[in-house]
Amino acid sequence: QIRDLSHQLNLKPYNSEVKVAIIHPGEILTPEAQASLL
């Protein structure tokens, strides 16, 4: 999920100046996902 998010964030925003990613809830990130998100 985090790798897919990183890919999506590299694409240009569609309707605004920024692309916002909400990770909810952050405390359930696996250790591997945490390292990738870092």
PDB file of all heavy atoms in Angstrom:
ATOM      1  N   GLN A   1       0.828  -1.206   0.000  1.00  0.00           N
ATOM      2  CA  GLN A   1       0.000   0.000   0.000  1.00  0.00           C
ATOM      3  C   GLN A   1       0.864   1.257   0.000  1.00  0.00           C
ATOM      4  O   GLN A   1       0.544   2.235  -0.671  1.00  0.00           O
ATOM      5  CB  GLN A   1      -0.932   0.001   1.218  1.00  0.00           C
ATOM      6  CG  GLN A   1      -2.025  -1.049   1.151  1.00  0.00           C
ATOM      7  CD  GLN A   1      -2.774  -1.139   2.462  1.00  0.00           C
ATOM      8  OE1 GLN A   1      -2.304  -1.741   3.412  1.00  0.00           O
ATOM      9  NE2 GLN A   1      -3.940  -0.512   2.502  1.00  0.00           N
ATOM     10  N   ILE A   2       1.953   1.245   0.753  1.00  0.00           N
ATOM     11  CA  ILE A   2       2.829   2.417   0.829  1.00  0.00           C
ATOM     12  C   ILE A   2       3.601   2.606  -0.473  1.00  0.00           C
ATOM     13  O   ILE A   2       3.780   3.734  -0.942  1.00  0.00           O
ATOM     14  CB  ILE A   2       3.776   2.317   2.042  1.00  0.00           C
ATOM     15  CG1 ILE A   2       2.973   2.257   3.342  1.00  0.00           C
ATOM     16  CG2 ILE A   2       4.755   3.481   2.062  1.00  0.00           C
ATOM     17  CD1 ILE A   2       2.037   3.451   3.574  1.00  0.00           C
ATOM     18  N   ARG A   3       4.028   1.519  -1.090  1.00  0.00           N
ATOM     19  CA  ARG A   3       4.708   1.632  -2.391  1.00  0.00           C
ATOM     20  C   ARG A   3       3.760   2.193  -3.441  1.00  0.00           C
ATOM     21  O   ARG A   3       4.155   3.025  -4.263  1.00  0.00           O
ATOM     22  CB  ARG A   3       5.249   0.281  -2.821  1.00  0.00           C
ATOM     23  CG  ARG A   3       6.480  -0.129  -2.064  1.00  0.00           C
ATOM     24  CD  ARG A   3       6.997  -1.469  -2.514  1.00  0.00           C
ATOM     25  NE  ARG A   3       8.230  -1.800  -1.810  1.00  0.00           N
ATOM     26  CZ  ARG A   3       8.695  -3.026  -1.696  1.00  0.00           C
ATOM     27  NH1 ARG A   3       8.047  -4.046  -2.239  1.00  0.00           N
ATOM     28  NH2 ARG A   3       9.820  -3.248  -1.050  1.00  0.00           N
ATOM     29  N   ASP A   4       2.509   1.736  -3.427  1.00  0.00           N
ATOM     30  CA  ASP A   4       1.512   2.270  -4.362  1.00  0.00           C
ATOM     31  C   ASP A   4       1.272   3.752  -4.084  1.00  0.00           C
ATOM     32  O   ASP A   4       1.164   4.551  -5.010  1.00  0.00           O
ATOM     33  CB  ASP A   4       0.210   1.480  -4.244  1.00  0.00           C
ATOM     34  CG  ASP A   4      -0.824   1.917  -5.252  1.00  0.00           C
ATOM     35  OD1 ASP A   4      -0.488   1.994  -6.458  1.00  0.00           O
ATOM     36  OD2 ASP A   4      -1.977   2.181  -4.846  1.00  0.00           O
ATOM     37  N   LEU A   5       1.211   4.122  -2.822  1.00  0.00           N
ATOM     38  CA  LEU A   5       1.042   5.525  -2.449  1.00  0.00           C
ATOM     39  C   LEU A   5       2.200   6.366  -2.981  1.00  0.00           C
ATOM     40  O   LEU A   5       1.978   7.435  -3.555  1.00  0.00           O
ATOM     41  CB  LEU A   5       0.957   5.666  -0.926  1.00  0.00           C
ATOM     42  CG  LEU A   5       1.008   7.082  -0.374  1.00  0.00           C
ATOM     43  CD1 LEU A   5      -0.207   7.877  -0.811  1.00  0.00           C
ATOM     44  CD2 LEU A   5       1.137   7.068   1.134  1.00  0.00           C
ATOM     45  N   SER A   6       3.423   5.902  -2.800  1.00  0.00           N
ATOM     46  CA  SER A   6       4.595   6.643  -3.289  1.00  0.00           C
ATOM     47  C   SER A   6       4.513   6.870  -4.790  1.00  0.00           C
ATOM     48  O   SER A   6       4.821   7.953  -5.283  1.00  0.00           O
ATOM     49  CB  SER A   6       5.877   5.899  -2.948  1.00  0.00           C
ATOM     50  OG  SER A   6       6.041   5.827  -1.558  1.00  0.00           O
ATOM     51  N   HIS A   7       4.083   5.850  -5.515  1.00  0.00           N
ATOM     52  CA  HIS A   7       3.920   5.982  -6.967  1.00  0.00           C
ATOM     53  C   HIS A   7       2.853   7.029  -7.294  1.00  0.00           C
ATOM     54  O   HIS A   7       3.067   7.895  -8.152  1.00  0.00           O
ATOM     55  CB  HIS A   7       3.547   4.638  -7.581  1.00  0.00           C
ATOM     56  CG  HIS A   7       3.170   4.735  -9.018  1.00  0.00           C
ATOM     57  ND1 HIS A   7       4.098   4.960 -10.019  1.00  0.00           N
ATOM     58  CD2 HIS A   7       1.955   4.682  -9.630  1.00  0.00           C
ATOM     59  CE1 HIS A   7       3.467   5.026 -11.185  1.00  0.00           C
ATOM     60  NE2 HIS A   7       2.172   4.865 -10.969  1.00  0.00           N
ATOM     61  N   GLN A   8       1.718   6.969  -6.616  1.00  0.00           N
ATOM     62  CA  GLN A   8       0.635   7.921  -6.869  1.00  0.00           C
ATOM     63  C   GLN A   8       1.043   9.357  -6.541  1.00  0.00           C
ATOM     64  O   GLN A   8       0.631  10.294  -7.230  1.00  0.00           O
ATOM     65  CB  GLN A   8      -0.607   7.536  -6.066  1.00  0.00           C
ATOM     66  CG  GLN A   8      -1.264   6.263  -6.561  1.00  0.00           C
ATOM     67  CD  GLN A   8      -2.491   5.924  -5.748  1.00  0.00           C
ATOM     68  OE1 GLN A   8      -3.267   6.810  -5.392  1.00  0.00           O
ATOM     69  NE2 GLN A   8      -2.672   4.655  -5.441  1.00  0.00           N
ATOM     70  N   LEU A   9       1.841   9.525  -5.493  1.00  0.00           N
ATOM     71  CA  LEU A   9       2.274  10.870  -5.115  1.00  0.00           C
ATOM     72  C   LEU A   9       3.245  11.472  -6.130  1.00  0.00           C
ATOM     73  O   LEU A   9       3.398  12.695  -6.193  1.00  0.00           O
ATOM     74  CB  LEU A   9       2.916  10.862  -3.722  1.00  0.00           C
ATOM     75  CG  LEU A   9       1.964  10.636  -2.557  1.00  0.00           C
ATOM     76  CD1 LEU A   9       2.740  10.540  -1.255  1.00  0.00           C
ATOM     77  CD2 LEU A   9       0.906  11.727  -2.481  1.00  0.00           C
ATOM     78  N   ASN A  10       3.895  10.645  -6.928  1.00  0.00           N
ATOM     79  CA  ASN A  10       4.799  11.151  -7.952  1.00  0.00           C
ATOM     80  C   ASN A  10       4.063  11.651  -9.193  1.00  0.00           C
ATOM     81  O   ASN A  10       4.665  12.301 -10.038  1.00  0.00           O
ATOM     82  CB  ASN A  10       5.820  10.084  -8.338  1.00  0.00           C
ATOM     83  CG  ASN A  10       6.888   9.932  -7.295  1.00  0.00           C
ATOM     84  OD1 ASN A  10       7.302  10.904  -6.675  1.00  0.00           O
ATOM     85  ND2 ASN A  10       7.324   8.718  -7.074  1.00  0.00           N
ATOM     86  N   LEU A  11       2.782  11.361  -9.294  1.00  0.00           N
ATOM     87  CA  LEU A  11       1.975  11.853 -10.404  1.00  0.00           C
ATOM     88  C   LEU A  11       1.485  13.262 -10.086  1.00  0.00           C
ATOM     89  O   LEU A  11       1.293  13.618  -8.925  1.00  0.00           O
ATOM     90  CB  LEU A  11       0.787  10.923 -10.646  1.00  0.00           C
ATOM     91  CG  LEU A  11       1.132   9.457 -10.932  1.00  0.00           C
ATOM     92  CD1 LEU A  11      -0.151   8.627 -10.991  1.00  0.00           C
ATOM     93  CD2 LEU A  11       1.921   9.332 -12.222  1.00  0.00           C
ATOM     94  N   LYS A  12       1.249  14.063 -11.113  1.00  0.00           N
ATOM     95  CA  LYS A  12       0.773  15.429 -10.904  1.00  0.00           C
ATOM     96  C   LYS A  12      -0.653  15.426 -10.346  1.00  0.00           C
ATOM     97  O   LYS A  12      -1.461  14.573 -10.703  1.00  0.00           O
ATOM     98  CB  LYS A  12       0.775  16.205 -12.220  1.00  0.00           C
ATOM     99  CG  LYS A  12       2.135  16.610 -12.673  1.00  0.00           C
ATOM    100  CD  LYS A  12       2.028  17.513 -13.873  1.00  0.00           C
ATOM    101  CE  LYS A  12       3.380  18.051 -14.238  1.00  0.00           C
ATOM    102  NZ  LYS A  12       3.300  19.029 -15.301  1.00  0.00           N
ATOM    103  N   PRO A  13      -0.969  16.418  -9.491  1.00  0.00           N
ATOM    104  CA  PRO A  13      -2.343  16.550  -9.001  1.00  0.00           C
ATOM    105  C   PRO A  13      -3.299  16.843 -10.161  1.00  0.00           C
ATOM    106  O   PRO A  13      -2.918  17.461 -11.153  1.00  0.00           O
ATOM    107  CB  PRO A  13      -2.272  17.735  -8.037  1.00  0.00           C
ATOM    108  CG  PRO A  13      -0.835  17.906  -7.734  1.00  0.00           C
ATOM    109  CD  PRO A  13      -0.069  17.397  -8.902  1.00  0.00           C
ATOM    110  N   TYR A  14      -4.531  16.434 -10.005  1.00  0.00           N
ATOM    111  CA  TYR A  14      -5.521  16.585 -11.055  1.00  0.00           C
ATOM    112  C   TYR A  14      -6.263  17.924 -10.983  1.00  0.00           C
ATOM    113  O   TYR A  14      -6.361  18.630 -11.964  1.00  0.00           O
ATOM    114  CB  TYR A  14      -6.519  15.429 -10.973  1.00  0.00           C
ATOM    115  CG  TYR A  14      -7.542  15.402 -12.071  1.00  0.00           C
ATOM    116  CD1 TYR A  14      -7.177  15.043 -13.363  1.00  0.00           C
ATOM    117  CD2 TYR A  14      -8.856  15.735 -11.828  1.00  0.00           C
ATOM    118  CE1 TYR A  14      -8.100  15.011 -14.381  1.00  0.00           C
ATOM    119  CE2 TYR A  14      -9.794  15.711 -12.839  1.00  0.00           C
ATOM    120  CZ  TYR A  14      -9.412  15.339 -14.112  1.00  0.00           C
ATOM    121  OH  TYR A  14     -10.334  15.312 -15.108  1.00  0.00           O
ATOM    122  N   ASN A  15      -6.778  18.270  -9.801  1.00  0.00           N
ATOM    123  CA  ASN A  15      -7.628  19.461  -9.656  1.00  0.00           C
ATOM    124  C   ASN A  15      -7.128  20.498  -8.662  1.00  0.00           C
ATOM    125  O   ASN A  15      -7.866  21.413  -8.323  1.00  0.00           O
ATOM    126  CB  ASN A  15      -9.038  19.052  -9.214  1.00  0.00           C
ATOM    127  CG  ASN A  15      -9.898  18.625 -10.364  1.00  0.00           C
ATOM    128  OD1 ASN A  15      -9.674  19.029 -11.496  1.00  0.00           O
ATOM    129  ND2 ASN A  15     -10.888  17.801 -10.085  1.00  0.00           N
ATOM    130  N   SER A  16      -5.931  20.357  -8.146  1.00  0.00           N
ATOM    131  CA  SER A  16      -5.430  21.319  -7.168  1.00  0.00           C
ATOM    132  C   SER A  16      -3.921  21.415  -7.300  1.00  0.00           C
ATOM    133  O   SER A  16      -3.325  20.746  -8.130  1.00  0.00           O
ATOM    134  CB  SER A  16      -5.820  20.882  -5.742  1.00  0.00           C
ATOM    135  OG  SER A  16      -5.200  19.674  -5.414  1.00  0.00           O
ATOM    136  N   GLU A  17      -3.321  22.241  -6.470  1.00  0.00           N
ATOM    137  CA  GLU A  17      -1.875  22.423  -6.526  1.00  0.00           C
ATOM    138  C   GLU A  17      -1.119  21.301  -5.842  1.00  0.00           C
ATOM    139  O   GLU A  17       0.053  21.081  -6.115  1.00  0.00           O
ATOM    140  CB  GLU A  17      -1.491  23.760  -5.884  1.00  0.00           C
ATOM    141  CG  GLU A  17      -1.975  24.956  -6.674  1.00  0.00           C
ATOM    142  CD  GLU A  17      -1.556  26.260  -6.038  1.00  0.00           C
ATOM    143  OE1 GLU A  17      -0.603  26.259  -5.235  1.00  0.00           O
ATOM    144  OE2 GLU A  17      -2.173  27.289  -6.350  1.00  0.00           O
ATOM    145  N   VAL A  18      -1.780  20.602  -4.924  1.00  0.00           N
ATOM    146  CA  VAL A  18      -1.128  19.524  -4.187  1.00  0.00           C
ATOM    147  C   VAL A  18      -1.980  18.260  -4.208  1.00  0.00           C
ATOM    148  O   VAL A  18      -3.176  18.302  -4.444  1.00  0.00           O
ATOM    149  CB  VAL A  18      -0.846  19.911  -2.710  1.00  0.00           C
ATOM    150  CG1 VAL A  18       0.102  21.069  -2.618  1.00  0.00           C
ATOM    151  CG2 VAL A  18      -2.128  20.183  -1.970  1.00  0.00           C
ATOM    152  N   LYS A  19      -1.315  17.151  -3.956  1.00  0.00           N
ATOM    153  CA  LYS A  19      -1.971  15.865  -3.775  1.00  0.00           C
ATOM    154  C   LYS A  19      -1.827  15.521  -2.300  1.00  0.00           C
ATOM    155  O   LYS A  19      -0.718  15.532  -1.760  1.00  0.00           O
ATOM    156  CB  LYS A  19      -1.298  14.818  -4.653  1.00  0.00           C
ATOM    157  CG  LYS A  19      -2.145  13.607  -4.914  1.00  0.00           C
ATOM    158  CD  LYS A  19      -1.462  12.712  -5.915  1.00  0.00           C
ATOM    159  CE  LYS A  19      -2.016  13.026  -7.276  1.00  0.00           C
ATOM    160  NZ  LYS A  19      -1.718  11.965  -8.247  1.00  0.00           N
ATOM    161  N   VAL A  20      -2.928  15.246  -1.620  1.00  0.00           N
ATOM    162  CA  VAL A  20      -2.916  14.958  -0.189  1.00  0.00           C
ATOM    163  C   VAL A  20      -3.128  13.463   0.032  1.00  0.00           C
ATOM    164  O   VAL A  20      -4.044  12.869  -0.532  1.00  0.00           O
ATOM    165  CB  VAL A  20      -4.019  15.753   0.547  1.00  0.00           C
ATOM    166  CG1 VAL A  20      -4.062  15.375   2.014  1.00  0.00           C
ATOM    167  CG2 VAL A  20      -3.790  17.246   0.393  1.00  0.00           C
ATOM    168  N   ALA A  21      -2.264  12.868   0.852  1.00  0.00           N
ATOM    169  CA  ALA A  21      -2.399  11.467   1.237  1.00  0.00           C
ATOM    170  C   ALA A  21      -2.712  11.402   2.722  1.00  0.00           C
ATOM    171  O   ALA A  21      -2.019  12.012   3.537  1.00  0.00           O
ATOM    172  CB  ALA A  21      -1.126  10.699   0.935  1.00  0.00           C
ATOM    173  N   ILE A  22      -3.766  10.682   3.060  1.00  0.00           N
ATOM    174  CA  ILE A  22      -4.146  10.489   4.457  1.00  0.00           C
ATOM    175  C   ILE A  22      -3.899   9.021   4.793  1.00  0.00           C
ATOM    176  O   ILE A  22      -4.441   8.132   4.134  1.00  0.00           O
ATOM    177  CB  ILE A  22      -5.621  10.852   4.690  1.00  0.00           C
ATOM    178  CG1 ILE A  22      -5.857  12.329   4.352  1.00  0.00           C
ATOM    179  CG2 ILE A  22      -6.037  10.540   6.127  1.00  0.00           C
ATOM    180  CD1 ILE A  22      -7.313  12.743   4.358  1.00  0.00           C
ATOM    181  N   ILE A  23      -3.066   8.785   5.793  1.00  0.00           N
ATOM    182  CA  ILE A  23      -2.796   7.431   6.259  1.00  0.00           C
ATOM    183  C   ILE A  23      -3.486   7.284   7.607  1.00  0.00           C
ATOM    184  O   ILE A  23      -3.133   7.966   8.570  1.00  0.00           O
ATOM    185  CB  ILE A  23      -1.290   7.164   6.362  1.00  0.00           C
ATOM    186  CG1 ILE A  23      -0.648   7.359   4.987  1.00  0.00           C
ATOM    187  CG2 ILE A  23      -1.032   5.763   6.901  1.00  0.00           C
ATOM    188  CD1 ILE A  23       0.848   7.298   4.989  1.00  0.00           C
ATOM    189  N   HIS A  24      -4.500   6.399   7.637  1.00  0.00           N
ATOM    190  CA  HIS A  24      -5.361   6.296   8.822  1.00  0.00           C
ATOM    191  C   HIS A  24      -5.636   4.846   9.147  1.00  0.00           C
ATOM    192  O   HIS A  24      -6.134   4.123   8.295  1.00  0.00           O
ATOM    193  CB  HIS A  24      -6.666   7.032   8.560  1.00  0.00           C
ATOM    194  CG  HIS A  24      -7.659   6.874   9.660  1.00  0.00           C
ATOM    195  ND1 HIS A  24      -7.528   7.540  10.839  1.00  0.00           N
ATOM    196  CD2 HIS A  24      -8.765   6.114   9.766  1.00  0.00           C
ATOM    197  CE1 HIS A  24      -8.561   7.197  11.629  1.00  0.00           C
ATOM    198  NE2 HIS A  24      -9.301   6.337  10.985  1.00  0.00           N
ATOM    199  N   PRO A  25      -5.396   4.387  10.311  1.00  0.00           N
ATOM    200  CA  PRO A  25      -4.584   4.955  11.386  1.00  0.00           C
ATOM    201  C   PRO A  25      -3.114   4.585  11.216  1.00  0.00           C
ATOM    202  O   PRO A  25      -2.801   3.464  10.820  1.00  0.00           O
ATOM    203  CB  PRO A  25      -5.175   4.331  12.645  1.00  0.00           C
ATOM    204  CG  PRO A  25      -5.718   3.012  12.196  1.00  0.00           C
ATOM    205  CD  PRO A  25      -6.142   3.199  10.756  1.00  0.00           C
ATOM    206  N   GLY A  26      -2.261   5.507  11.512  1.00  0.00           N
ATOM    207  CA  GLY A  26      -0.832   5.315  11.310  1.00  0.00           C
ATOM    208  C   GLY A  26      -0.208   4.252  12.199  1.00  0.00           C
ATOM    209  O   GLY A  26       0.804   3.663  11.844  1.00  0.00           O
ATOM    210  N   GLU A  27      -0.837   3.963  13.333  1.00  0.00           N
ATOM    211  CA  GLU A  27      -0.232   3.008  14.253  1.00  0.00           C
ATOM    212  C   GLU A  27      -0.325   1.561  13.784  1.00  0.00           C
ATOM    213  O   GLU A  27       0.297   0.683  14.367  1.00  0.00           O
ATOM    214  CB  GLU A  27      -0.811   3.142  15.668  1.00  0.00           C
ATOM    215  CG  GLU A  27      -2.299   2.903  15.769  1.00  0.00           C
ATOM    216  CD  GLU A  27      -3.108   4.193  15.765  1.00  0.00           C
ATOM    217  OE1 GLU A  27      -2.608   5.232  15.341  1.00  0.00           O
ATOM    218  OE2 GLU A  27      -4.268   4.135  16.183  1.00  0.00           O
ATOM    219  N   ILE A  28      -1.058   1.296  12.695  1.00  0.00           N
ATOM    220  CA  ILE A  28      -1.137  -0.085  12.210  1.00  0.00           C
ATOM    221  C   ILE A  28      -0.218  -0.345  11.009  1.00  0.00           C
ATOM    222  O   ILE A  28      -0.303  -1.388  10.378  1.00  0.00           O
ATOM    223  CB  ILE A  28      -2.588  -0.501  11.888  1.00  0.00           C
ATOM    224  CG1 ILE A  28      -3.172   0.316  10.741  1.00  0.00           C
ATOM    225  CG2 ILE A  28      -3.455  -0.442  13.130  1.00  0.00           C
ATOM    226  CD1 ILE A  28      -4.500  -0.205  10.231  1.00  0.00           C
ATOM    227  N   LEU A  29       0.669   0.600  10.704  1.00  0.00           N
ATOM    228  CA  LEU A  29       1.672   0.368   9.658  1.00  0.00           C
ATOM    229  C   LEU A  29       2.592  -0.771  10.080  1.00  0.00           C
ATOM    230  O   LEU A  29       3.075  -0.789  11.218  1.00  0.00           O
ATOM    231  CB  LEU A  29       2.509   1.630   9.430  1.00  0.00           C
ATOM    232  CG  LEU A  29       1.857   2.772   8.675  1.00  0.00           C
ATOM    233  CD1 LEU A  29       2.584   4.076   8.947  1.00  0.00           C
ATOM    234  CD2 LEU A  29       1.849   2.476   7.190  1.00  0.00           C
ATOM    235  N   THR A  30       2.838  -1.705   9.177  1.00  0.00           N
ATOM    236  CA  THR A  30       3.792  -2.773   9.476  1.00  0.00           C
ATOM    237  C   THR A  30       5.196  -2.171   9.522  1.00  0.00           C
ATOM    238  O   THR A  30       5.428  -1.089   8.969  1.00  0.00           O
ATOM    239  CB  THR A  30       3.744  -3.881   8.407  1.00  0.00           C
ATOM    240  OG1 THR A  30       4.157  -3.330   7.152  1.00  0.00           O
ATOM    241  CG2 THR A  30       2.356  -4.500   8.303  1.00  0.00           C
ATOM    242  N   PRO A  31       6.158  -2.851  10.151  1.00  0.00           N
ATOM    243  CA  PRO A  31       7.526  -2.314  10.182  1.00  0.00           C
ATOM    244  C   PRO A  31       8.094  -2.058   8.781  1.00  0.00           C
ATOM    245  O   PRO A  31       8.787  -1.064   8.556  1.00  0.00           O
ATOM    246  CB  PRO A  31       8.322  -3.391  10.921  1.00  0.00           C
ATOM    247  CG  PRO A  31       7.312  -4.040  11.813  1.00  0.00           C
ATOM    248  CD  PRO A  31       6.033  -4.039  11.008  1.00  0.00           C
ATOM    249  N   GLU A  32       7.788  -2.934   7.832  1.00  0.00           N
ATOM    250  CA  GLU A  32       8.258  -2.751   6.460  1.00  0.00           C
ATOM    251  C   GLU A  32       7.618  -1.519   5.823  1.00  0.00           C
ATOM    252  O   GLU A  32       8.269  -0.750   5.112  1.00  0.00           O
ATOM    253  CB  GLU A  32       7.958  -3.990   5.616  1.00  0.00           C
ATOM    254  CG  GLU A  32       8.684  -5.232   6.060  1.00  0.00           C
ATOM    255  CD  GLU A  32       7.992  -5.964   7.207  1.00  0.00           C
ATOM    256  OE1 GLU A  32       6.837  -5.625   7.556  1.00  0.00           O
ATOM    257  OE2 GLU A  32       8.626  -6.876   7.772  1.00  0.00           O
ATOM    258  N   ALA A  33       6.329  -1.324   6.084  1.00  0.00           N
ATOM    259  CA  ALA A  33       5.619  -0.155   5.556  1.00  0.00           C
ATOM    260  C   ALA A  33       6.161   1.131   6.182  1.00  0.00           C
ATOM    261  O   ALA A  33       6.288   2.152   5.511  1.00  0.00           O
ATOM    262  CB  ALA A  33       4.117  -0.282   5.814  1.00  0.00           C
ATOM    263  N   GLN A  34       6.499   1.084   7.466  1.00  0.00           N
ATOM    264  CA  GLN A  34       7.081   2.244   8.133  1.00  0.00           C
ATOM    265  C   GLN A  34       8.399   2.638   7.477  1.00  0.00           C
ATOM    266  O   GLN A  34       8.641   3.825   7.235  1.00  0.00           O
ATOM    267  CB  GLN A  34       7.311   1.945   9.616  1.00  0.00           C
ATOM    268  CG  GLN A  34       6.049   1.776  10.419  1.00  0.00           C
ATOM    269  CD  GLN A  34       6.339   1.301  11.836  1.00  0.00           C
ATOM    270  OE1 GLN A  34       7.441   1.462  12.357  1.00  0.00           O
ATOM    271  NE2 GLN A  34       5.339   0.708  12.466  1.00  0.00           N
ATOM    272  N   ALA A  35       9.239   1.655   7.187  1.00  0.00           N
ATOM    273  CA  ALA A  35      10.538   1.932   6.558  1.00  0.00           C
ATOM    274  C   ALA A  35      10.335   2.527   5.163  1.00  0.00           C
ATOM    275  O   ALA A  35      11.024   3.476   4.773  1.00  0.00           O
ATOM    276  CB  ALA A  35      11.368   0.660   6.481  1.00  0.00           C
ATOM    277  N   SER A  36       9.381   1.995   4.420  1.00  0.00           N
ATOM    278  CA  SER A  36       9.096   2.507   3.077  1.00  0.00           C
ATOM    279  C   SER A  36       8.532   3.926   3.143  1.00  0.00           C
ATOM    280  O   SER A  36       8.889   4.778   2.332  1.00  0.00           O
ATOM    281  CB  SER A  36       8.111   1.575   2.370  1.00  0.00           C
ATOM    282  OG  SER A  36       7.865   2.000   1.062  1.00  0.00           O
ATOM    283  N   LEU A  37       7.666   4.177   4.105  1.00  0.00           N
ATOM    284  CA  LEU A  37       7.082   5.510   4.268  1.00  0.00           C
ATOM    285  C   LEU A  37       8.147   6.523   4.669  1.00  0.00           C
ATOM    286  O   LEU A  37       8.107   7.674   4.227  1.00  0.00           O
ATOM    287  CB  LEU A  37       5.963   5.488   5.308  1.00  0.00           C
ATOM    288  CG  LEU A  37       5.256   6.804   5.569  1.00  0.00           C
ATOM    289  CD1 LEU A  37       4.570   7.313   4.301  1.00  0.00           C
ATOM    290  CD2 LEU A  37       4.243   6.659   6.683  1.00  0.00           C
ATOM    291  N   LEU A  38       9.109   6.103   5.454  1.00  0.00           N
ATOM    292  CA  LEU A  38      10.191   6.999   5.870  1.00  0.00           C
ATOM    293  C   LEU A  38      10.920   7.566   4.665  1.00  0.00           C
ATOM    294  O   LEU A  38      11.245   8.751   4.626  1.00  0.00           O
ATOM    295  CB  LEU A  38      11.162   6.268   6.799  1.00  0.00           C
ATOM    296  CG  LEU A  38      12.301   7.088   7.370  1.00  0.00           C
ATOM    297  CD1 LEU A  38      11.762   8.254   8.190  1.00  0.00           C
ATOM    298  CD2 LEU A  38      13.200   6.214   8.222  1.00  0.00           C
TER     299      LEU A  38
END
